[in-house]
Amino acid sequence: MFEFLRRLRRPPPIPDPLWRDARDAVPWARALDAAREARLRELVARFLHEKAISPIGELALDPRQRCMLAMLCCLPLLEFGAEGLRGWSQLIVYPDAFRVNRSHTDAAGVLHEWQDELIGEAWEAGPMILSWADVLADCEQPRAGFCVAAHEMAHKLDALDGLLDGTPALPRPWQREWAREFQQAYDDFCAQVDAGHDTAIDPYAAEAPEEFFAVATEYHFSDPELLQAQMPAVAAQLRRFYGSSPFA
């Protein structure tokens, strides 16, 4: 467990019936041993106490569903701890995939505008956004290689040191080791994608170093055996950072 940078007050505990109902709906939480489940429960209580969970449109979230969302967001914090919640205050939840407007001015000064359809997003200094339909789909197929909440939480952890670059805040020697191992794996993976090879890992991981880290995080939680087979050095770093996958 990493040392906290500040002393944190203990939030109100989650009632037993609510915890059991939410845990039964989240396969990763059900797979934890008793000690890690207790740690997750404390993190979830803090999340629910500190974060506003804001459903969009006609979506309504009951206490069980809010607890499920908090569980999924806190799974990547089992080793890092509550300090991983620092720097943001709101989880926005859309009923389904959502559209965002993008713009880019190229070298010739021409403005390009388009729309992206997303299932999750994490602002460096703002809210985290999830699609509820995709959260439920992840829970229905927890070993399919996807976990949008873990993906976006990886971005939040990555941004804690002020730089979204695929390397989270770590002690300096470990940070250098992490950067070396991830850069080598990322370069190798990008070469495969650029050559048109079919990859067992989602090719979206080649978009940028920060997406490589976030996609690898999804596989750590949802298909650790595949990650170990394809990228053993990355898998080892993520086991050290997140602890063993609940499905390991």
C-alpha atoms as a PDB file:
ATOM      1  CA  MET A   1       0.000   0.000   0.000  1.00  0.00           C
ATOM      2  CA  PHE A   2       1.435   3.358  -1.008  1.00  0.00           C
ATOM      3  CA  GLU A   3       1.788   6.067   1.644  1.00  0.00           C
ATOM      4  CA  PHE A   4      -0.876   8.767   1.523  1.00  0.00           C
ATOM      5  CA  LEU A   5       0.257  12.348   1.011  1.00  0.00           C
ATOM      6  CA  ARG A   6      -2.371  13.547   3.470  1.00  0.00           C
ATOM      7  CA  ARG A   7      -4.471  12.107   6.287  1.00  0.00           C
ATOM      8  CA  LEU A   8      -7.930  11.107   5.063  1.00  0.00           C
ATOM      9  CA  ARG A   9     -11.070  11.081   7.169  1.00  0.00           C
ATOM     10  CA  ARG A  10     -12.997   7.831   7.280  1.00  0.00           C
ATOM     11  CA  PRO A  11     -16.346   8.161   5.431  1.00  0.00           C
ATOM     12  CA  PRO A  12     -19.613   6.563   6.594  1.00  0.00           C
ATOM     13  CA  PRO A  13     -19.581   2.772   6.049  1.00  0.00           C
ATOM     14  CA  ILE A  14     -21.656   1.120   3.325  1.00  0.00           C
ATOM     15  CA  PRO A  15     -24.590  -0.874   4.752  1.00  0.00           C
ATOM     16  CA  ASP A  16     -24.138  -4.635   4.447  1.00  0.00           C
ATOM     17  CA  PRO A  17     -27.237  -5.297   2.256  1.00  0.00           C
ATOM     18  CA  LEU A  18     -26.240  -2.567  -0.211  1.00  0.00           C
ATOM     19  CA  TRP A  19     -22.671  -3.844  -0.392  1.00  0.00           C
ATOM     20  CA  ARG A  20     -23.765  -7.449  -1.009  1.00  0.00           C
ATOM     21  CA  ASP A  21     -26.262  -6.469  -3.722  1.00  0.00           C
ATOM     22  CA  ALA A  22     -23.737  -4.330  -5.583  1.00  0.00           C
ATOM     23  CA  ARG A  23     -20.875  -6.817  -5.181  1.00  0.00           C
ATOM     24  CA  ASP A  24     -23.014  -9.610  -6.613  1.00  0.00           C
ATOM     25  CA  ALA A  25     -23.428  -7.564  -9.802  1.00  0.00           C
ATOM     26  CA  VAL A  26     -19.694  -6.837 -10.258  1.00  0.00           C
ATOM     27  CA  PRO A  27     -17.745 -10.022 -11.153  1.00  0.00           C
ATOM     28  CA  TRP A  28     -14.339  -8.495 -10.285  1.00  0.00           C
ATOM     29  CA  ALA A  29     -15.513  -7.653  -6.771  1.00  0.00           C
ATOM     30  CA  ARG A  30     -16.982 -11.135  -6.269  1.00  0.00           C
ATOM     31  CA  ALA A  31     -13.615 -12.667  -7.177  1.00  0.00           C
ATOM     32  CA  LEU A  32     -11.614 -10.782  -4.514  1.00  0.00           C
ATOM     33  CA  ASP A  33     -10.353 -12.444  -1.348  1.00  0.00           C
ATOM     34  CA  ALA A  34     -11.681 -11.164   1.975  1.00  0.00           C
ATOM     35  CA  ALA A  35      -8.798  -8.781   2.670  1.00  0.00           C
ATOM     36  CA  ARG A  36      -8.936  -7.096  -0.719  1.00  0.00           C
ATOM     37  CA  GLU A  37     -12.718  -6.928  -0.615  1.00  0.00           C
ATOM     38  CA  ALA A  38     -12.510  -5.088   2.713  1.00  0.00           C
ATOM     39  CA  ARG A  39     -10.004  -2.671   1.181  1.00  0.00           C
ATOM     40  CA  LEU A  40     -12.285  -2.129  -1.817  1.00  0.00           C
ATOM     41  CA  ARG A  41     -15.234  -1.480   0.484  1.00  0.00           C
ATOM     42  CA  GLU A  42     -13.370   1.334   2.239  1.00  0.00           C
ATOM     43  CA  LEU A  43     -12.381   2.875  -1.082  1.00  0.00           C
ATOM     44  CA  VAL A  44     -15.947   2.669  -2.396  1.00  0.00           C
ATOM     45  CA  ALA A  45     -17.276   4.351   0.731  1.00  0.00           C
ATOM     46  CA  ARG A  46     -14.832   7.198   0.182  1.00  0.00           C
ATOM     47  CA  PHE A  47     -15.717   7.443  -3.509  1.00  0.00           C
ATOM     48  CA  LEU A  48     -19.441   7.685  -2.751  1.00  0.00           C
ATOM     49  CA  HIS A  49     -18.750  10.257  -0.047  1.00  0.00           C
ATOM     50  CA  GLU A  50     -16.469  12.483  -2.160  1.00  0.00           C
ATOM     51  CA  LYS A  51     -17.697  12.158  -5.742  1.00  0.00           C
ATOM     52  CA  ALA A  52     -20.910  13.425  -7.315  1.00  0.00           C
ATOM     53  CA  ILE A  53     -22.375  10.752  -9.612  1.00  0.00           C
ATOM     54  CA  SER A  54     -24.436  12.595 -12.222  1.00  0.00           C
ATOM     55  CA  PRO A  55     -26.696  10.616 -14.602  1.00  0.00           C
ATOM     56  CA  ILE A  56     -27.532  12.343 -17.877  1.00  0.00           C
ATOM     57  CA  GLY A  57     -30.933  12.627 -19.544  1.00  0.00           C
ATOM     58  CA  GLU A  58     -33.535  10.123 -18.449  1.00  0.00           C
ATOM     59  CA  LEU A  59     -31.002   7.785 -16.852  1.00  0.00           C
ATOM     60  CA  ALA A  60     -31.718   7.184 -13.154  1.00  0.00           C
ATOM     61  CA  LEU A  61     -29.251   5.384 -10.898  1.00  0.00           C
ATOM     62  CA  ASP A  62     -30.344   3.757  -7.655  1.00  0.00           C
ATOM     63  CA  PRO A  63     -27.980   3.251  -4.669  1.00  0.00           C
ATOM     64  CA  ARG A  64     -27.003  -0.242  -5.854  1.00  0.00           C
ATOM     65  CA  GLN A  65     -26.045   1.024  -9.308  1.00  0.00           C
ATOM     66  CA  ARG A  66     -24.088   3.932  -7.847  1.00  0.00           C
ATOM     67  CA  CYS A  67     -22.238   1.498  -5.620  1.00  0.00           C
ATOM     68  CA  MET A  68     -21.468  -0.684  -8.653  1.00  0.00           C
ATOM     69  CA  LEU A  69     -19.967   2.289 -10.476  1.00  0.00           C
ATOM     70  CA  ALA A  70     -17.861   3.196  -7.463  1.00  0.00           C
ATOM     71  CA  MET A  71     -16.634  -0.417  -7.183  1.00  0.00           C
ATOM     72  CA  LEU A  72     -15.486  -0.473 -10.780  1.00  0.00           C
ATOM     73  CA  CYS A  73     -13.740   2.877 -10.456  1.00  0.00           C
ATOM     74  CA  CYS A  74     -11.980   1.818  -7.250  1.00  0.00           C
ATOM     75  CA  LEU A  75     -10.710  -1.580  -8.409  1.00  0.00           C
ATOM     76  CA  PRO A  76      -7.514  -0.014  -9.842  1.00  0.00           C
ATOM     77  CA  LEU A  77      -6.865   1.641  -6.454  1.00  0.00           C
ATOM     78  CA  LEU A  78      -6.557  -1.515  -4.346  1.00  0.00           C
ATOM     79  CA  GLU A  79      -2.797  -1.008  -4.020  1.00  0.00           C
ATOM     80  CA  PHE A  80      -2.446   2.682  -4.825  1.00  0.00           C
ATOM     81  CA  GLY A  81      -5.061   3.701  -2.274  1.00  0.00           C
ATOM     82  CA  ALA A  82      -7.490   6.604  -1.895  1.00  0.00           C
ATOM     83  CA  GLU A  83      -4.872   9.114  -3.039  1.00  0.00           C
ATOM     84  CA  GLY A  84      -5.813   7.927  -6.525  1.00  0.00           C
ATOM     85  CA  LEU A  85      -9.119   9.765  -6.160  1.00  0.00           C
ATOM     86  CA  ARG A  86      -7.389  13.122  -5.876  1.00  0.00           C
ATOM     87  CA  GLY A  87      -7.956  15.924  -8.385  1.00  0.00           C
ATOM     88  CA  TRP A  88     -11.532  15.410  -9.562  1.00  0.00           C
ATOM     89  CA  SER A  89     -15.004  15.446  -8.068  1.00  0.00           C
ATOM     90  CA  GLN A  90     -17.609  14.184 -10.548  1.00  0.00           C
ATOM     91  CA  LEU A  91     -18.511  10.992 -12.407  1.00  0.00           C
ATOM     92  CA  ILE A  92     -20.879  11.729 -15.304  1.00  0.00           C
ATOM     93  CA  VAL A  93     -22.872   8.741 -16.565  1.00  0.00           C
ATOM     94  CA  TYR A  94     -24.588   8.671 -19.954  1.00  0.00           C
ATOM     95  CA  PRO A  95     -27.225   6.039 -20.746  1.00  0.00           C
ATOM     96  CA  ASP A  96     -25.211   4.856 -23.756  1.00  0.00           C
ATOM     97  CA  ALA A  97     -22.319   5.926 -25.984  1.00  0.00           C
ATOM     98  CA  PHE A  98     -22.105   9.702 -26.311  1.00  0.00           C
ATOM     99  CA  ARG A  99     -20.835  12.179 -28.895  1.00  0.00           C
ATOM    100  CA  VAL A 100     -18.212  14.875 -28.362  1.00  0.00           C
ATOM    101  CA  ASN A 101     -17.160  17.652 -30.702  1.00  0.00           C
ATOM    102  CA  ARG A 102     -13.494  17.734 -31.717  1.00  0.00           C
ATOM    103  CA  SER A 103     -11.464  20.336 -33.566  1.00  0.00           C
ATOM    104  CA  HIS A 104      -7.890  20.617 -34.823  1.00  0.00           C
ATOM    105  CA  THR A 105      -6.008  23.288 -36.726  1.00  0.00           C
ATOM    106  CA  ASP A 106      -3.436  21.774 -39.068  1.00  0.00           C
ATOM    107  CA  ALA A 107      -0.038  23.171 -40.042  1.00  0.00           C
ATOM    108  CA  ALA A 108      -1.603  25.135 -42.902  1.00  0.00           C
ATOM    109  CA  GLY A 109      -3.958  26.887 -40.517  1.00  0.00           C
ATOM    110  CA  VAL A 110      -7.050  24.964 -41.678  1.00  0.00           C
ATOM    111  CA  LEU A 111      -9.565  24.177 -38.927  1.00  0.00           C
ATOM    112  CA  HIS A 112     -10.944  20.618 -38.956  1.00  0.00           C
ATOM    113  CA  GLU A 113     -14.052  19.756 -36.914  1.00  0.00           C
ATOM    114  CA  TRP A 114     -15.669  16.377 -36.344  1.00  0.00           C
ATOM    115  CA  GLN A 115     -17.603  14.290 -33.812  1.00  0.00           C
ATOM    116  CA  ASP A 116     -16.345  11.246 -31.906  1.00  0.00           C
ATOM    117  CA  GLU A 117     -18.625   8.625 -30.377  1.00  0.00           C
ATOM    118  CA  LEU A 118     -17.199   7.529 -27.024  1.00  0.00           C
ATOM    119  CA  ILE A 119     -18.038   5.083 -24.249  1.00  0.00           C
ATOM    120  CA  GLY A 120     -15.776   6.762 -21.711  1.00  0.00           C
ATOM    121  CA  GLU A 121     -13.605   9.793 -21.201  1.00  0.00           C
ATOM    122  CA  ALA A 122     -11.403  11.178 -18.431  1.00  0.00           C
ATOM    123  CA  TRP A 123     -10.497  14.851 -18.346  1.00  0.00           C
ATOM    124  CA  GLU A 124      -7.079  15.583 -16.894  1.00  0.00           C
ATOM    125  CA  ALA A 125      -8.449  18.221 -14.503  1.00  0.00           C
ATOM    126  CA  GLY A 126     -12.168  17.494 -14.629  1.00  0.00           C
ATOM    127  CA  PRO A 127     -14.804  14.779 -14.512  1.00  0.00           C
ATOM    128  CA  MET A 128     -14.726  11.178 -15.574  1.00  0.00           C
ATOM    129  CA  ILE A 129     -17.461  10.104 -18.002  1.00  0.00           C
ATOM    130  CA  LEU A 130     -18.845   6.600 -18.580  1.00  0.00           C
ATOM    131  CA  SER A 131     -21.536   4.944 -20.684  1.00  0.00           C
ATOM    132  CA  TRP A 132     -23.842   2.968 -18.383  1.00  0.00           C
ATOM    133  CA  ALA A 133     -24.739   0.513 -21.164  1.00  0.00           C
ATOM    134  CA  ASP A 134     -21.061  -0.303 -21.646  1.00  0.00           C
ATOM    135  CA  VAL A 135     -20.460  -0.634 -17.907  1.00  0.00           C
ATOM    136  CA  LEU A 136     -23.247  -3.239 -17.826  1.00  0.00           C
ATOM    137  CA  ALA A 137     -21.844  -4.974 -20.914  1.00  0.00           C
ATOM    138  CA  ASP A 138     -18.443  -5.241 -19.202  1.00  0.00           C
ATOM    139  CA  CYS A 139     -20.083  -6.810 -16.140  1.00  0.00           C
ATOM    140  CA  GLU A 140     -21.949  -9.297 -18.327  1.00  0.00           C
ATOM    141  CA  GLN A 141     -18.725 -10.361 -20.110  1.00  0.00           C
ATOM    142  CA  PRO A 142     -15.991  -9.603 -17.586  1.00  0.00           C
ATOM    143  CA  ARG A 143     -13.320 -11.724 -19.313  1.00  0.00           C
ATOM    144  CA  ALA A 144     -13.746 -10.285 -22.810  1.00  0.00           C
ATOM    145  CA  GLY A 145     -10.785  -7.900 -22.570  1.00  0.00           C
ATOM    146  CA  PHE A 146     -12.759  -4.752 -21.828  1.00  0.00           C
ATOM    147  CA  CYS A 147     -13.472  -2.662 -18.738  1.00  0.00           C
ATOM    148  CA  VAL A 148     -14.231   0.952 -19.565  1.00  0.00           C
ATOM    149  CA  ALA A 149     -14.173   2.091 -15.921  1.00  0.00           C
ATOM    150  CA  ALA A 150     -10.682   0.644 -15.398  1.00  0.00           C
ATOM    151  CA  HIS A 151      -9.544   2.254 -18.662  1.00  0.00           C
ATOM    152  CA  GLU A 152     -10.647   5.719 -17.607  1.00  0.00           C
ATOM    153  CA  MET A 153      -9.307   5.296 -14.071  1.00  0.00           C
ATOM    154  CA  ALA A 154      -5.924   4.453 -15.585  1.00  0.00           C
ATOM    155  CA  HIS A 155      -6.011   7.878 -17.259  1.00  0.00           C
ATOM    156  CA  LYS A 156      -6.834   9.498 -13.908  1.00  0.00           C
ATOM    157  CA  LEU A 157      -3.895   7.752 -12.248  1.00  0.00           C
ATOM    158  CA  ASP A 158      -1.655   8.649 -15.193  1.00  0.00           C
ATOM    159  CA  ALA A 159      -2.549  12.340 -14.822  1.00  0.00           C
ATOM    160  CA  LEU A 160      -1.749  12.575 -11.102  1.00  0.00           C
ATOM    161  CA  ASP A 161       1.836  13.651 -11.790  1.00  0.00           C
ATOM    162  CA  GLY A 162       0.631  16.409 -14.121  1.00  0.00           C
ATOM    163  CA  LEU A 163       1.557  14.620 -17.347  1.00  0.00           C
ATOM    164  CA  LEU A 164      -0.663  12.248 -19.327  1.00  0.00           C
ATOM    165  CA  ASP A 165       2.031  10.052 -20.870  1.00  0.00           C
ATOM    166  CA  GLY A 166       1.362   6.448 -19.892  1.00  0.00           C
ATOM    167  CA  THR A 167       3.556   6.588 -16.786  1.00  0.00           C
ATOM    168  CA  PRO A 168       1.730   7.184 -13.486  1.00  0.00           C
ATOM    169  CA  ALA A 169       3.111   8.807 -10.363  1.00  0.00           C
ATOM    170  CA  LEU A 170       5.661   6.337  -8.977  1.00  0.00           C
ATOM    171  CA  PRO A 171       8.873   6.407  -6.930  1.00  0.00           C
ATOM    172  CA  ARG A 172      11.661   7.578  -9.241  1.00  0.00           C
ATOM    173  CA  PRO A 173      13.534   4.259  -9.719  1.00  0.00           C
ATOM    174  CA  TRP A 174      10.295   2.404 -10.426  1.00  0.00           C
ATOM    175  CA  GLN A 175       9.129   5.178 -12.749  1.00  0.00           C
ATOM    176  CA  ARG A 176      12.289   4.819 -14.851  1.00  0.00           C
ATOM    177  CA  GLU A 177      11.863   1.037 -14.991  1.00  0.00           C
ATOM    178  CA  TRP A 178       8.175   1.400 -15.908  1.00  0.00           C
ATOM    179  CA  ALA A 179       8.900   3.930 -18.659  1.00  0.00           C
ATOM    180  CA  ARG A 180      11.597   1.687 -20.153  1.00  0.00           C
ATOM    181  CA  GLU A 181       9.462  -1.473 -20.158  1.00  0.00           C
ATOM    182  CA  PHE A 182       6.327   0.248 -21.443  1.00  0.00           C
ATOM    183  CA  GLN A 183       8.150   2.197 -24.167  1.00  0.00           C
ATOM    184  CA  GLN A 184       9.742  -0.983 -25.529  1.00  0.00           C
ATOM    185  CA  ALA A 185       6.411  -2.831 -25.509  1.00  0.00           C
ATOM    186  CA  TYR A 186       4.598   0.141 -27.033  1.00  0.00           C
ATOM    187  CA  ASP A 187       7.137   0.515 -29.843  1.00  0.00           C
ATOM    188  CA  ASP A 188       6.928  -3.209 -30.633  1.00  0.00           C
ATOM    189  CA  PHE A 189       3.130  -3.127 -30.609  1.00  0.00           C
ATOM    190  CA  CYS A 190       2.948  -0.048 -32.845  1.00  0.00           C
ATOM    191  CA  ALA A 191       5.279  -1.732 -35.321  1.00  0.00           C
ATOM    192  CA  GLN A 192       2.896  -4.706 -35.503  1.00  0.00           C
ATOM    193  CA  VAL A 193      -0.122  -2.464 -36.018  1.00  0.00           C
ATOM    194  CA  ASP A 194       1.651  -0.306 -38.614  1.00  0.00           C
ATOM    195  CA  ALA A 195       2.622  -3.459 -40.523  1.00  0.00           C
ATOM    196  CA  GLY A 196      -1.039  -4.468 -40.725  1.00  0.00           C
ATOM    197  CA  HIS A 197      -0.708  -7.508 -38.489  1.00  0.00           C
ATOM    198  CA  ASP A 198      -3.699  -8.815 -36.569  1.00  0.00           C
ATOM    199  CA  THR A 199      -3.011  -8.317 -32.867  1.00  0.00           C
ATOM    200  CA  ALA A 200      -4.473 -10.198 -29.930  1.00  0.00           C
ATOM    201  CA  ILE A 201      -4.512  -6.925 -27.974  1.00  0.00           C
ATOM    202  CA  ASP A 202      -6.945  -4.211 -29.115  1.00  0.00           C
ATOM    203  CA  PRO A 203      -5.072  -2.099 -31.723  1.00  0.00           C
ATOM    204  CA  TYR A 204      -6.465   1.057 -30.111  1.00  0.00           C
ATOM    205  CA  ALA A 205      -3.548   0.643 -27.694  1.00  0.00           C
ATOM    206  CA  ALA A 206      -1.291   1.969 -30.483  1.00  0.00           C
ATOM    207  CA  GLU A 207      -3.020   5.381 -30.481  1.00  0.00           C
ATOM    208  CA  ALA A 208      -0.677   6.900 -27.885  1.00  0.00           C
ATOM    209  CA  PRO A 209       1.400   5.831 -24.851  1.00  0.00           C
ATOM    210  CA  GLU A 210      -1.399   6.849 -22.478  1.00  0.00           C
ATOM    211  CA  GLU A 211      -3.900   4.712 -24.402  1.00  0.00           C
ATOM    212  CA  PHE A 212      -1.458   1.814 -24.375  1.00  0.00           C
ATOM    213  CA  PHE A 213      -1.357   1.984 -20.565  1.00  0.00           C
ATOM    214  CA  ALA A 214      -5.154   2.282 -20.308  1.00  0.00           C
ATOM    215  CA  VAL A 215      -5.848  -0.607 -22.704  1.00  0.00           C
ATOM    216  CA  ALA A 216      -3.270  -2.795 -20.957  1.00  0.00           C
ATOM    217  CA  THR A 217      -5.067  -1.975 -17.698  1.00  0.00           C
ATOM    218  CA  GLU A 218      -8.295  -3.343 -19.161  1.00  0.00           C
ATOM    219  CA  TYR A 219      -6.568  -6.614 -20.022  1.00  0.00           C
ATOM    220  CA  HIS A 220      -4.967  -6.808 -16.584  1.00  0.00           C
ATOM    221  CA  PHE A 221      -8.431  -6.894 -15.067  1.00  0.00           C
ATOM    222  CA  SER A 222     -10.369  -8.745 -17.758  1.00  0.00           C
ATOM    223  CA  ASP A 223      -7.907 -11.105 -19.475  1.00  0.00           C
ATOM    224  CA  PRO A 224      -4.651 -11.292 -17.502  1.00  0.00           C
ATOM    225  CA  GLU A 225      -3.577 -14.547 -19.158  1.00  0.00           C
ATOM    226  CA  LEU A 226      -3.655 -12.960 -22.616  1.00  0.00           C
ATOM    227  CA  LEU A 227      -1.745  -9.913 -21.406  1.00  0.00           C
ATOM    228  CA  GLN A 228       0.889 -12.138 -19.821  1.00  0.00           C
ATOM    229  CA  ALA A 229       1.257 -14.145 -23.027  1.00  0.00           C
ATOM    230  CA  GLN A 230       1.486 -11.096 -25.302  1.00  0.00           C
ATOM    231  CA  MET A 231       3.343  -8.560 -23.126  1.00  0.00           C
ATOM    232  CA  PRO A 232       4.946 -10.234 -20.101  1.00  0.00           C
ATOM    233  CA  ALA A 233       6.989  -7.202 -19.032  1.00  0.00           C
ATOM    234  CA  VAL A 234       3.911  -4.957 -19.091  1.00  0.00           C
ATOM    235  CA  ALA A 235       1.868  -7.585 -17.262  1.00  0.00           C
ATOM    236  CA  ALA A 236       4.520  -7.747 -14.521  1.00  0.00           C
ATOM    237  CA  GLN A 237       4.513  -3.975 -14.053  1.00  0.00           C
ATOM    238  CA  LEU A 238       0.717  -3.877 -13.824  1.00  0.00           C
ATOM    239  CA  ARG A 239       0.644  -6.712 -11.263  1.00  0.00           C
ATOM    240  CA  ARG A 240       3.058  -4.692  -9.160  1.00  0.00           C
ATOM    241  CA  PHE A 241       0.985  -1.523  -9.589  1.00  0.00           C
ATOM    242  CA  TYR A 242      -2.555  -2.926  -9.253  1.00  0.00           C
ATOM    243  CA  GLY A 243      -1.900  -6.152  -7.401  1.00  0.00           C
ATOM    244  CA  SER A 244      -2.945  -9.472  -8.870  1.00  0.00           C
ATOM    245  CA  SER A 245      -5.950  -9.418 -11.187  1.00  0.00           C
ATOM    246  CA  PRO A 246      -9.075 -10.759  -9.470  1.00  0.00           C
ATOM    247  CA  PHE A 247      -9.217 -13.301 -12.305  1.00  0.00           C
ATOM    248  CA  ALA A 248      -5.590 -14.397 -12.083  1.00  0.00           C
END
